[in-house]
C-alpha atoms as a PDB file:
ATOM      1  CA  MET A   1     -12.179 -31.728 -37.680  1.00  0.00           C
ATOM      2  CA  ALA A   2      -9.586 -29.060 -38.458  1.00  0.00           C
ATOM      3  CA  TYR A   3      -8.583 -28.961 -34.793  1.00  0.00           C
ATOM      4  CA  VAL A   4      -8.231 -32.758 -34.680  1.00  0.00           C
ATOM      5  CA  ILE A   5      -5.984 -32.749 -37.747  1.00  0.00           C
ATOM      6  CA  LYS A   6      -3.934 -29.893 -36.296  1.00  0.00           C
ATOM      7  CA  ARG A   7      -3.459 -31.687 -32.963  1.00  0.00           C
ATOM      8  CA  ILE A   8      -2.432 -34.920 -34.693  1.00  0.00           C
ATOM      9  CA  CYS A   9       0.089 -33.058 -36.858  1.00  0.00           C
ATOM     10  CA  ASN A  10       1.504 -31.236 -33.817  1.00  0.00           C
ATOM     11  CA  SER A  11       1.820 -34.522 -31.937  1.00  0.00           C
ATOM     12  CA  LEU A  12       3.598 -36.174 -34.841  1.00  0.00           C
ATOM     13  CA  LEU A  13       5.966 -33.195 -35.042  1.00  0.00           C
ATOM     14  CA  ILE A  14       6.776 -33.492 -31.324  1.00  0.00           C
ATOM     15  CA  LEU A  15       7.370 -37.222 -31.742  1.00  0.00           C
ATOM     16  CA  PHE A  16       9.639 -36.608 -34.733  1.00  0.00           C
ATOM     17  CA  ILE A  17      11.681 -34.011 -32.809  1.00  0.00           C
ATOM     18  CA  THR A  18      12.038 -36.373 -29.848  1.00  0.00           C
ATOM     19  CA  ILE A  19      13.211 -39.254 -32.021  1.00  0.00           C
ATOM     20  CA  SER A  20      15.655 -37.001 -33.861  1.00  0.00           C
ATOM     21  CA  PHE A  21      17.055 -35.591 -30.619  1.00  0.00           C
ATOM     22  CA  VAL A  22      17.662 -39.078 -29.217  1.00  0.00           C
ATOM     23  CA  PHE A  23      19.407 -40.118 -32.433  1.00  0.00           C
ATOM     24  CA  ILE A  24      21.709 -37.087 -32.430  1.00  0.00           C
ATOM     25  CA  ALA A  25      22.412 -37.314 -28.693  1.00  0.00           C
ATOM     26  CA  GLY A  26      23.396 -40.950 -29.071  1.00  0.00           C
ATOM     27  CA  ARG A  27      26.108 -39.937 -31.548  1.00  0.00           C
ATOM     28  CA  LEU A  28      27.297 -36.868 -29.644  1.00  0.00           C
ATOM     29  CA  ILE A  29      28.183 -38.808 -26.495  1.00  0.00           C
ATOM     30  CA  GLY A  30      30.779 -40.802 -28.408  1.00  0.00           C
ATOM     31  CA  ASP A  31      31.317 -43.663 -30.804  1.00  0.00           C
ATOM     32  CA  PRO A  32      28.428 -46.131 -30.221  1.00  0.00           C
ATOM     33  CA  ALA A  33      30.643 -49.107 -31.066  1.00  0.00           C
ATOM     34  CA  LEU A  34      33.394 -48.019 -28.674  1.00  0.00           C
ATOM     35  CA  ASN A  35      30.887 -47.192 -25.925  1.00  0.00           C
ATOM     36  CA  MET A  36      29.390 -50.643 -26.144  1.00  0.00           C
ATOM     37  CA  LEU A  37      32.575 -52.683 -26.427  1.00  0.00           C
ATOM     38  CA  GLY A  38      34.645 -50.617 -24.016  1.00  0.00           C
ATOM     39  CA  SER A  39      38.133 -49.188 -24.300  1.00  0.00           C
ATOM     40  CA  GLY A  40      39.675 -52.656 -23.980  1.00  0.00           C
ATOM     41  CA  ALA A  41      38.190 -53.929 -27.230  1.00  0.00           C
ATOM     42  CA  SER A  42      40.419 -54.569 -30.207  1.00  0.00           C
ATOM     43  CA  ASP A  43      40.333 -52.391 -33.295  1.00  0.00           C
ATOM     44  CA  LEU A  44      39.137 -55.381 -35.304  1.00  0.00           C
ATOM     45  CA  ALA A  45      36.113 -55.946 -33.057  1.00  0.00           C
ATOM     46  CA  ILE A  46      35.204 -52.252 -33.118  1.00  0.00           C
ATOM     47  CA  ASN A  47      35.511 -52.053 -36.899  1.00  0.00           C
ATOM     48  CA  ASN A  48      33.438 -55.233 -37.284  1.00  0.00           C
ATOM     49  CA  LEU A  49      30.633 -53.753 -35.222  1.00  0.00           C
ATOM     50  CA  ARG A  50      30.777 -50.409 -37.043  1.00  0.00           C
ATOM     51  CA  GLU A  51      30.571 -52.129 -40.396  1.00  0.00           C
ATOM     52  CA  ALA A  52      27.777 -54.515 -39.351  1.00  0.00           C
ATOM     53  CA  ALA A  53      25.696 -51.738 -37.786  1.00  0.00           C
ATOM     54  CA  GLY A  54      26.312 -49.196 -40.559  1.00  0.00           C
ATOM     55  CA  LEU A  55      28.158 -46.824 -38.232  1.00  0.00           C
ATOM     56  CA  ASN A  56      30.857 -46.147 -40.819  1.00  0.00           C
ATOM     57  CA  ASP A  57      28.358 -44.320 -43.030  1.00  0.00           C
ATOM     58  CA  PRO A  58      28.042 -40.503 -42.850  1.00  0.00           C
ATOM     59  CA  LEU A  59      25.813 -39.250 -40.039  1.00  0.00           C
ATOM     60  CA  PHE A  60      23.210 -37.900 -42.456  1.00  0.00           C
ATOM     61  CA  VAL A  61      23.003 -41.284 -44.205  1.00  0.00           C
ATOM     62  CA  GLN A  62      22.568 -43.014 -40.855  1.00  0.00           C
ATOM     63  CA  TYR A  63      19.835 -40.563 -39.898  1.00  0.00           C
ATOM     64  CA  VAL A  64      17.901 -40.967 -43.163  1.00  0.00           C
ATOM     65  CA  ARG A  65      18.191 -44.743 -42.891  1.00  0.00           C
ATOM     66  CA  TYR A  66      17.008 -44.623 -39.279  1.00  0.00           C
ATOM     67  CA  ILE A  67      13.965 -42.429 -40.034  1.00  0.00           C
ATOM     68  CA  GLY A  68      13.121 -44.541 -43.066  1.00  0.00           C
ATOM     69  CA  GLY A  69      13.314 -47.672 -40.950  1.00  0.00           C
ATOM     70  CA  ILE A  70      10.983 -46.203 -38.318  1.00  0.00           C
ATOM     71  CA  LEU A  71       8.411 -45.333 -40.986  1.00  0.00           C
ATOM     72  CA  THR A  72       8.402 -49.009 -42.013  1.00  0.00           C
ATOM     73  CA  GLY A  73       8.433 -50.319 -38.442  1.00  0.00           C
ATOM     74  CA  ASP A  74      12.126 -51.219 -38.455  1.00  0.00           C
ATOM     75  CA  PHE A  75      13.975 -49.731 -35.480  1.00  0.00           C
ATOM     76  CA  GLY A  76      17.099 -51.759 -36.118  1.00  0.00           C
ATOM     77  CA  VAL A  77      18.600 -54.655 -34.185  1.00  0.00           C
ATOM     78  CA  SER A  78      20.097 -54.889 -30.736  1.00  0.00           C
ATOM     79  CA  TYR A  79      23.887 -54.745 -30.491  1.00  0.00           C
ATOM     80  CA  ARG A  80      24.012 -57.017 -27.468  1.00  0.00           C
ATOM     81  CA  TYR A  81      20.588 -58.339 -26.546  1.00  0.00           C
ATOM     82  CA  GLY A  82      20.023 -62.049 -26.990  1.00  0.00           C
ATOM     83  CA  TYR A  83      23.579 -63.294 -27.360  1.00  0.00           C
ATOM     84  CA  SER A  84      26.758 -63.249 -25.297  1.00  0.00           C
ATOM     85  CA  VAL A  85      29.424 -63.002 -27.992  1.00  0.00           C
ATOM     86  CA  LEU A  86      29.571 -59.952 -30.229  1.00  0.00           C
ATOM     87  CA  PRO A  87      29.102 -60.984 -33.888  1.00  0.00           C
ATOM     88  CA  SER A  88      31.777 -60.218 -36.426  1.00  0.00           C
ATOM     89  CA  GLU A  89      29.641 -60.841 -39.512  1.00  0.00           C
ATOM     90  CA  ASN A  90      26.219 -59.596 -40.577  1.00  0.00           C
ATOM     91  CA  LEU A  91      24.600 -58.182 -37.430  1.00  0.00           C
ATOM     92  CA  SER A  92      21.066 -58.198 -38.801  1.00  0.00           C
ATOM     93  CA  GLU A  93      21.046 -61.939 -39.465  1.00  0.00           C
ATOM     94  CA  ILE A  94      21.605 -63.053 -35.867  1.00  0.00           C
ATOM     95  CA  ALA A  95      20.576 -60.118 -33.657  1.00  0.00           C
ATOM     96  CA  GLN A  96      17.060 -59.565 -32.334  1.00  0.00           C
ATOM     97  CA  PRO A  97      14.964 -56.634 -33.638  1.00  0.00           C
ATOM     98  CA  VAL A  98      14.742 -54.020 -30.903  1.00  0.00           C
ATOM     99  CA  LEU A  99      11.066 -53.277 -31.547  1.00  0.00           C
ATOM    100  CA  ASP A 100      10.183 -56.872 -30.651  1.00  0.00           C
ATOM    101  CA  ILE A 101      12.139 -56.550 -27.415  1.00  0.00           C
ATOM    102  CA  VAL A 102      10.385 -53.307 -26.458  1.00  0.00           C
ATOM    103  CA  LEU A 103       6.901 -54.575 -27.335  1.00  0.00           C
ATOM    104  CA  GLU A 104       7.485 -57.625 -25.128  1.00  0.00           C
ATOM    105  CA  ARG A 105       7.933 -55.266 -22.159  1.00  0.00           C
ATOM    106  CA  ILE A 106       4.949 -53.001 -22.860  1.00  0.00           C
ATOM    107  CA  PRO A 107       2.316 -55.230 -21.147  1.00  0.00           C
ATOM    108  CA  ALA A 108       4.287 -55.218 -17.878  1.00  0.00           C
ATOM    109  CA  THR A 109       4.592 -51.424 -17.934  1.00  0.00           C
ATOM    110  CA  PHE A 110       0.892 -51.035 -18.769  1.00  0.00           C
ATOM    111  CA  ALA A 111      -0.033 -53.399 -15.946  1.00  0.00           C
ATOM    112  CA  LEU A 112       2.002 -51.406 -13.429  1.00  0.00           C
ATOM    113  CA  ALA A 113       0.765 -48.015 -14.664  1.00  0.00           C
ATOM    114  CA  GLY A 114      -2.825 -49.262 -14.754  1.00  0.00           C
ATOM    115  CA  ALA A 115      -2.612 -50.629 -11.210  1.00  0.00           C
ATOM    116  CA  ALA A 116      -1.121 -47.366  -9.941  1.00  0.00           C
ATOM    117  CA  LEU A 117      -3.760 -45.282 -11.733  1.00  0.00           C
ATOM    118  CA  SER A 118      -6.608 -47.482 -10.480  1.00  0.00           C
ATOM    119  CA  VAL A 119      -5.465 -46.645  -6.954  1.00  0.00           C
ATOM    120  CA  ALA A 120      -4.616 -42.985  -7.560  1.00  0.00           C
ATOM    121  CA  VAL A 121      -7.752 -41.839  -9.407  1.00  0.00           C
ATOM    122  CA  PRO A 122     -10.530 -42.894  -6.987  1.00  0.00           C
ATOM    123  CA  LEU A 123      -8.461 -42.143  -3.892  1.00  0.00           C
ATOM    124  CA  GLY A 124      -7.261 -38.769  -5.188  1.00  0.00           C
ATOM    125  CA  ILE A 125     -10.758 -37.710  -6.267  1.00  0.00           C
ATOM    126  CA  PHE A 126     -12.290 -38.849  -2.967  1.00  0.00           C
ATOM    127  CA  MET A 127      -9.670 -36.944  -0.975  1.00  0.00           C
ATOM    128  CA  GLY A 128     -10.098 -33.819  -3.089  1.00  0.00           C
ATOM    129  CA  VAL A 129     -13.891 -33.820  -2.926  1.00  0.00           C
ATOM    130  CA  THR A 130     -13.862 -34.498   0.810  1.00  0.00           C
ATOM    131  CA  ALA A 131     -11.531 -31.556   1.382  1.00  0.00           C
ATOM    132  CA  ALA A 132     -13.580 -29.275  -0.893  1.00  0.00           C
ATOM    133  CA  ALA A 133     -16.855 -30.169   0.807  1.00  0.00           C
ATOM    134  CA  ASN A 134     -15.353 -29.403   4.225  1.00  0.00           C
ATOM    135  CA  PRO A 135     -13.050 -26.398   3.732  1.00  0.00           C
ATOM    136  CA  ARG A 136     -10.764 -25.393   6.604  1.00  0.00           C
ATOM    137  CA  SER A 137     -11.790 -28.476   8.553  1.00  0.00           C
ATOM    138  CA  ALA A 138      -9.598 -31.202  10.039  1.00  0.00           C
ATOM    139  CA  ALA A 139     -10.317 -33.370   6.990  1.00  0.00           C
ATOM    140  CA  ASP A 140      -9.220 -30.551   4.689  1.00  0.00           C
ATOM    141  CA  ARG A 141      -5.957 -30.105   6.590  1.00  0.00           C
ATOM    142  CA  ILE A 142      -5.254 -33.851   6.585  1.00  0.00           C
ATOM    143  CA  VAL A 143      -5.857 -34.073   2.836  1.00  0.00           C
ATOM    144  CA  THR A 144      -3.595 -31.064   2.245  1.00  0.00           C
ATOM    145  CA  VAL A 145      -0.761 -32.603   4.263  1.00  0.00           C
ATOM    146  CA  LEU A 146      -1.113 -36.022   2.629  1.00  0.00           C
ATOM    147  CA  SER A 147      -1.299 -34.588  -0.885  1.00  0.00           C
ATOM    148  CA  LEU A 148       1.782 -32.447  -0.325  1.00  0.00           C
ATOM    149  CA  ALA A 149       3.623 -35.462   1.066  1.00  0.00           C
ATOM    150  CA  GLY A 150       2.638 -37.564  -1.962  1.00  0.00           C
ATOM    151  CA  VAL A 151       3.819 -34.925  -4.414  1.00  0.00           C
ATOM    152  CA  SER A 152       7.070 -34.276  -2.543  1.00  0.00           C
ATOM    153  CA  VAL A 153       8.191 -37.803  -1.659  1.00  0.00           C
ATOM    154  CA  VAL A 154      11.027 -39.346  -3.677  1.00  0.00           C
ATOM    155  CA  GLN A 155       9.696 -42.491  -5.335  1.00  0.00           C
ATOM    156  CA  PHE A 156      13.034 -44.290  -5.142  1.00  0.00           C
ATOM    157  CA  TRP A 157      13.184 -43.750  -1.374  1.00  0.00           C
ATOM    158  CA  LEU A 158       9.510 -44.593  -0.865  1.00  0.00           C
ATOM    159  CA  GLY A 159       9.919 -47.863  -2.731  1.00  0.00           C
ATOM    160  CA  LEU A 160      12.871 -48.879  -0.575  1.00  0.00           C
ATOM    161  CA  MET A 161      10.990 -47.983   2.620  1.00  0.00           C
ATOM    162  CA  LEU A 162       7.973 -50.043   1.553  1.00  0.00           C
ATOM    163  CA  ILE A 163      10.253 -52.999   0.820  1.00  0.00           C
ATOM    164  CA  VAL A 164      11.919 -52.714   4.222  1.00  0.00           C
ATOM    165  CA  LEU A 165       8.581 -52.500   6.057  1.00  0.00           C
ATOM    166  CA  PHE A 166       6.227 -54.855   4.220  1.00  0.00           C
ATOM    167  CA  ALA A 167       8.656 -57.299   2.624  1.00  0.00           C
ATOM    168  CA  VAL A 168      11.653 -57.520   4.973  1.00  0.00           C
ATOM    169  CA  GLN A 169      10.206 -56.719   8.405  1.00  0.00           C
ATOM    170  CA  LEU A 170       6.631 -57.999   8.100  1.00  0.00           C
ATOM    171  CA  GLY A 171       7.165 -60.523   5.315  1.00  0.00           C
ATOM    172  CA  TRP A 172       3.729 -59.855   3.850  1.00  0.00           C
ATOM    173  CA  LEU A 173       4.785 -59.130   0.282  1.00  0.00           C
ATOM    174  CA  PRO A 174       7.645 -60.073  -2.058  1.00  0.00           C
ATOM    175  CA  THR A 175      10.560 -57.673  -2.407  1.00  0.00           C
ATOM    176  CA  GLY A 176      10.250 -57.571  -6.183  1.00  0.00           C
ATOM    177  CA  GLY A 177       9.805 -59.529  -9.363  1.00  0.00           C
ATOM    178  CA  TYR A 178       6.912 -60.178 -11.701  1.00  0.00           C
ATOM    179  CA  GLY A 179       4.129 -62.588 -10.889  1.00  0.00           C
ATOM    180  CA  GLY A 180       0.727 -62.581  -9.247  1.00  0.00           C
ATOM    181  CA  PHE A 181      -1.248 -59.862  -7.522  1.00  0.00           C
ATOM    182  CA  SER A 182       1.082 -59.684  -4.519  1.00  0.00           C
ATOM    183  CA  TYR A 183       3.992 -58.638  -6.724  1.00  0.00           C
ATOM    184  CA  VAL A 184       2.268 -55.512  -8.057  1.00  0.00           C
ATOM    185  CA  ILE A 185       1.103 -54.062  -4.728  1.00  0.00           C
ATOM    186  CA  LEU A 186       4.321 -52.385  -3.569  1.00  0.00           C
ATOM    187  CA  PRO A 187       5.429 -50.958  -6.942  1.00  0.00           C
ATOM    188  CA  ALA A 188       1.891 -49.741  -7.660  1.00  0.00           C
ATOM    189  CA  LEU A 189       1.655 -47.976  -4.280  1.00  0.00           C
ATOM    190  CA  THR A 190       5.082 -46.425  -4.828  1.00  0.00           C
ATOM    191  CA  LEU A 191       4.118 -45.181  -8.266  1.00  0.00           C
ATOM    192  CA  ALA A 192       0.678 -43.973  -7.120  1.00  0.00           C
ATOM    193  CA  ALA A 193       1.910 -41.635  -4.355  1.00  0.00           C
ATOM    194  CA  ARG A 194       2.576 -38.645  -6.602  1.00  0.00           C
ATOM    195  CA  PRO A 195      -0.609 -38.834  -8.741  1.00  0.00           C
ATOM    196  CA  ILE A 196      -2.742 -39.257  -5.608  1.00  0.00           C
ATOM    197  CA  GLY A 197      -1.396 -35.962  -4.280  1.00  0.00           C
ATOM    198  CA  ARG A 198      -1.744 -34.043  -7.525  1.00  0.00           C
ATOM    199  CA  ILE A 199      -5.215 -35.360  -8.372  1.00  0.00           C
ATOM    200  CA  ALA A 200      -6.394 -34.545  -4.841  1.00  0.00           C
ATOM    201  CA  GLN A 201      -5.061 -30.992  -5.090  1.00  0.00           C
ATOM    202  CA  VAL A 202      -6.620 -30.314  -8.496  1.00  0.00           C
ATOM    203  CA  THR A 203      -9.934 -31.927  -7.509  1.00  0.00           C
ATOM    204  CA  ARG A 204     -10.143 -29.858  -4.335  1.00  0.00           C
ATOM    205  CA  SER A 205      -9.496 -26.618  -6.204  1.00  0.00           C
ATOM    206  CA  ALA A 206     -11.904 -27.407  -9.053  1.00  0.00           C
ATOM    207  CA  VAL A 207     -14.755 -28.562  -6.798  1.00  0.00           C
ATOM    208  CA  ILE A 208     -14.399 -25.567  -4.453  1.00  0.00           C
ATOM    209  CA  GLN A 209     -14.693 -23.291  -7.467  1.00  0.00           C
ATOM    210  CA  GLU A 210     -17.833 -25.096  -8.648  1.00  0.00           C
ATOM    211  CA  LEU A 211     -19.423 -25.043  -5.185  1.00  0.00           C
ATOM    212  CA  SER A 212     -19.264 -21.250  -5.196  1.00  0.00           C
ATOM    213  CA  LYS A 213     -21.344 -20.895  -8.373  1.00  0.00           C
ATOM    214  CA  PRO A 214     -25.021 -19.840  -8.434  1.00  0.00           C
ATOM    215  CA  TYR A 215     -26.402 -23.132  -9.732  1.00  0.00           C
ATOM    216  CA  ILE A 216     -25.100 -24.872  -6.594  1.00  0.00           C
ATOM    217  CA  VAL A 217     -26.924 -22.341  -4.407  1.00  0.00           C
ATOM    218  CA  THR A 218     -30.086 -22.972  -6.432  1.00  0.00           C
ATOM    219  CA  ALA A 219     -29.729 -26.742  -6.108  1.00  0.00           C
ATOM    220  CA  ARG A 220     -29.322 -26.485  -2.356  1.00  0.00           C
ATOM    221  CA  ALA A 221     -32.302 -24.129  -2.119  1.00  0.00           C
ATOM    222  CA  LYS A 222     -34.423 -26.712  -3.926  1.00  0.00           C
ATOM    223  CA  GLY A 223     -33.518 -29.284  -1.302  1.00  0.00           C
ATOM    224  CA  VAL A 224     -31.167 -31.410  -3.388  1.00  0.00           C
ATOM    225  CA  PRO A 225     -29.221 -33.709  -1.039  1.00  0.00           C
ATOM    226  CA  GLU A 226     -25.719 -32.441  -0.284  1.00  0.00           C
ATOM    227  CA  PHE A 227     -24.136 -35.679  -1.470  1.00  0.00           C
ATOM    228  CA  LYS A 228     -25.786 -35.248  -4.887  1.00  0.00           C
ATOM    229  CA  VAL A 229     -24.845 -31.560  -5.015  1.00  0.00           C
ATOM    230  CA  VAL A 230     -21.192 -32.311  -4.406  1.00  0.00           C
ATOM    231  CA  TYR A 231     -20.598 -35.658  -6.096  1.00  0.00           C
ATOM    232  CA  VAL A 232     -22.977 -35.301  -9.060  1.00  0.00           C
ATOM    233  CA  HIS A 233     -23.383 -31.630  -9.978  1.00  0.00           C
ATOM    234  CA  ALA A 234     -20.151 -30.035  -8.765  1.00  0.00           C
ATOM    235  CA  LEU A 235     -17.834 -32.954  -9.509  1.00  0.00           C
ATOM    236  CA  LYS A 236     -19.269 -33.444 -12.998  1.00  0.00           C
ATOM    237  CA  ASN A 237     -18.759 -29.807 -13.947  1.00  0.00           C
ATOM    238  CA  ALA A 238     -15.266 -29.855 -12.439  1.00  0.00           C
ATOM    239  CA  SER A 239     -14.279 -32.890 -14.503  1.00  0.00           C
ATOM    240  CA  ILE A 240     -12.301 -31.073 -17.216  1.00  0.00           C
ATOM    241  CA  PRO A 241      -9.276 -30.076 -15.093  1.00  0.00           C
ATOM    242  CA  ILE A 242      -9.463 -33.413 -13.263  1.00  0.00           C
ATOM    243  CA  VAL A 243      -9.367 -35.405 -16.509  1.00  0.00           C
ATOM    244  CA  THR A 244      -6.510 -33.216 -17.725  1.00  0.00           C
ATOM    245  CA  MET A 245      -4.556 -34.015 -14.575  1.00  0.00           C
ATOM    246  CA  ILE A 246      -5.324 -37.743 -14.862  1.00  0.00           C
ATOM    247  CA  GLY A 247      -4.046 -37.762 -18.439  1.00  0.00           C
ATOM    248  CA  ASP A 248      -0.943 -35.875 -17.388  1.00  0.00           C
ATOM    249  CA  GLU A 249      -0.341 -38.327 -14.555  1.00  0.00           C
ATOM    250  CA  LEU A 250      -0.818 -41.321 -16.850  1.00  0.00           C
ATOM    251  CA  SER A 251       1.883 -39.898 -19.107  1.00  0.00           C
ATOM    252  CA  ALA A 252       4.059 -39.351 -16.041  1.00  0.00           C
ATOM    253  CA  LEU A 253       3.453 -42.931 -14.914  1.00  0.00           C
ATOM    254  CA  LEU A 254       4.638 -44.276 -18.256  1.00  0.00           C
ATOM    255  CA  THR A 255       7.804 -42.172 -18.160  1.00  0.00           C
ATOM    256  CA  GLY A 256       8.355 -42.145 -14.404  1.00  0.00           C
ATOM    257  CA  ALA A 257       8.209 -45.894 -13.869  1.00  0.00           C
ATOM    258  CA  ILE A 258      11.884 -46.275 -14.754  1.00  0.00           C
ATOM    259  CA  LEU A 259      13.279 -46.027 -11.213  1.00  0.00           C
ATOM    260  CA  VAL A 260      10.332 -47.884  -9.701  1.00  0.00           C
ATOM    261  CA  GLU A 261      10.778 -50.768 -12.116  1.00  0.00           C
ATOM    262  CA  LYS A 262      14.466 -50.861 -11.264  1.00  0.00           C
ATOM    263  CA  VAL A 263      13.816 -50.913  -7.506  1.00  0.00           C
ATOM    264  CA  PHE A 264      11.296 -53.756  -7.756  1.00  0.00           C
ATOM    265  CA  ALA A 265      12.934 -55.613 -10.690  1.00  0.00           C
ATOM    266  CA  TRP A 266       9.724 -55.126 -12.664  1.00  0.00           C
ATOM    267  CA  PRO A 267      10.347 -56.280 -16.269  1.00  0.00           C
ATOM    268  CA  GLY A 268       8.859 -53.280 -18.044  1.00  0.00           C
ATOM    269  CA  VAL A 269      10.146 -50.726 -20.523  1.00  0.00           C
ATOM    270  CA  GLY A 270      11.666 -48.631 -17.728  1.00  0.00           C
ATOM    271  CA  LEU A 271      13.911 -51.462 -16.579  1.00  0.00           C
ATOM    272  CA  LEU A 272      14.727 -52.188 -20.223  1.00  0.00           C
ATOM    273  CA  ILE A 273      15.909 -48.583 -20.732  1.00  0.00           C
ATOM    274  CA  ILE A 274      18.210 -48.795 -17.715  1.00  0.00           C
ATOM    275  CA  ASP A 275      19.611 -52.146 -18.873  1.00  0.00           C
ATOM    276  CA  SER A 276      20.150 -50.870 -22.412  1.00  0.00           C
ATOM    277  CA  LEU A 277      21.922 -47.780 -21.038  1.00  0.00           C
ATOM    278  CA  SER A 278      24.240 -49.961 -18.976  1.00  0.00           C
ATOM    279  CA  ARG A 279      24.983 -52.038 -22.081  1.00  0.00           C
ATOM    280  CA  SER A 280      25.316 -48.946 -24.305  1.00  0.00           C
ATOM    281  CA  ASP A 281      22.893 -50.638 -26.691  1.00  0.00           C
ATOM    282  CA  LEU A 282      22.003 -47.545 -28.720  1.00  0.00           C
ATOM    283  CA  PRO A 283      19.332 -49.041 -31.026  1.00  0.00           C
ATOM    284  CA  LEU A 284      17.509 -50.459 -28.014  1.00  0.00           C
ATOM    285  CA  ILE A 285      17.699 -47.106 -26.204  1.00  0.00           C
ATOM    286  CA  GLN A 286      16.343 -45.278 -29.247  1.00  0.00           C
ATOM    287  CA  ALA A 287      13.489 -47.737 -29.752  1.00  0.00           C
ATOM    288  CA  SER A 288      12.488 -47.722 -26.071  1.00  0.00           C
ATOM    289  CA  ILE A 289      12.365 -43.928 -25.870  1.00  0.00           C
ATOM    290  CA  ALA A 290      10.519 -43.678 -29.196  1.00  0.00           C
ATOM    291  CA  VAL A 291       7.837 -46.126 -28.070  1.00  0.00           C
ATOM    292  CA  VAL A 292       7.391 -44.375 -24.704  1.00  0.00           C
ATOM    293  CA  ALA A 293       7.184 -40.984 -26.457  1.00  0.00           C
ATOM    294  CA  ALA A 294       4.551 -42.348 -28.840  1.00  0.00           C
ATOM    295  CA  LEU A 295       2.504 -43.630 -25.896  1.00  0.00           C
ATOM    296  CA  VAL A 296       2.704 -40.262 -24.124  1.00  0.00           C
ATOM    297  CA  VAL A 297       1.640 -38.397 -27.267  1.00  0.00           C
ATOM    298  CA  THR A 298      -1.278 -40.793 -27.754  1.00  0.00           C
ATOM    299  CA  VAL A 299      -2.454 -40.327 -24.161  1.00  0.00           C
ATOM    300  CA  ASN A 300      -2.359 -36.542 -24.531  1.00  0.00           C
ATOM    301  CA  LEU A 301      -4.396 -36.744 -27.743  1.00  0.00           C
ATOM    302  CA  LEU A 302      -7.023 -38.945 -26.100  1.00  0.00           C
ATOM    303  CA  VAL A 303      -7.294 -36.513 -23.190  1.00  0.00           C
ATOM    304  CA  ASP A 304      -7.827 -33.606 -25.578  1.00  0.00           C
ATOM    305  CA  PHE A 305     -10.522 -35.465 -27.500  1.00  0.00           C
ATOM    306  CA  SER A 306     -12.283 -36.551 -24.300  1.00  0.00           C
ATOM    307  CA  TYR A 307     -13.094 -32.919 -23.436  1.00  0.00           C
ATOM    308  CA  ARG A 308     -15.900 -32.829 -25.987  1.00  0.00           C
ATOM    309  CA  LEU A 309     -17.396 -36.024 -24.576  1.00  0.00           C
ATOM    310  CA  LEU A 310     -17.354 -34.628 -21.039  1.00  0.00           C
ATOM    311  CA  ASN A 311     -18.752 -31.267 -22.057  1.00  0.00           C
ATOM    312  CA  PRO A 312     -20.489 -31.110 -25.471  1.00  0.00           C
ATOM    313  CA  SER A 313     -20.630 -27.309 -25.256  1.00  0.00           C
ATOM    314  CA  ILE A 314     -16.840 -27.121 -25.661  1.00  0.00           C
ATOM    315  CA  ARG A 315     -15.737 -26.270 -29.193  1.00  0.00           C
ATOM    316  CA  LEU A 316     -12.292 -27.734 -29.617  1.00  0.00           C
ATOM    317  CA  GLY A 317      -9.713 -25.349 -30.920  1.00  0.00           C
ATOM    318  CA  HIS A 318     -11.523 -22.166 -29.832  1.00  0.00           C
ATOM    319  CA  THR A 319     -10.277 -19.885 -27.107  1.00  0.00           C
ATOM    320  CA  GLY A 320     -13.496 -20.437 -25.209  1.00  0.00           C
ATOM    321  CA  ALA A 321     -12.381 -23.989 -24.535  1.00  0.00           C
END
């Protein structure tokens, strides 16, 4: 229990530091009101926005108000989202809360990350186990090449190539957008390339290490079928590093979907961050990054707590783990 409390406190501290850094960085890059309106805006319009958004207050007052708002679920309101003419009166009465905007995009991001992970996990594990069960074979070399290619490929480029081949040339799939099953195939494959490679590499290494242990020799001597030796005994005991990698890749999928969502016009949080950056909508940027950071921290906590379920002999928080 002490370890669980310690991990939760550490995660909350990391989340607090991330939120604070984004807040400070947003002020260091320039005046938020001027960045959003542009250099051609009148002094009156800039002053109206500063006053409505509370940007005329001292930085420390803004920071305390921002942290206090987050603790109550209030991330502020969007400067630009939801209307075409910048307000000159009370911003909070007509603008849309940024948290509502971000939460509307979460299901799309989860759907894309889930589809990519559902492809990456079984395929990566199968490739890794196949390579480990046949070391220095043709299958092992093929898996090594494919995994290195998946880890090394640039997702932005891969997405464009898949669009050119399957959408433009063959016409099998749509070029982008959000809809039925056909719309998720290309972005999910693009996003799954890297985790497939990394999961395959970690699985291969972990299973090879397990296959060299005495209990595997004993199981084989007793006549246990090779399939059961590899896929039941060895893979089960190699699950800790594999689960760690899967959790790490899930976090990477949530944060790395930004470019993929942009390429395929996928209406998730990643595309929202890019749009808010182009609009210089600081509250929306802060809320989007805070929500993504909270999701990543939560995933890492769940991975840590899953270790005990996979291996009851592990005592969380001890060096033996």
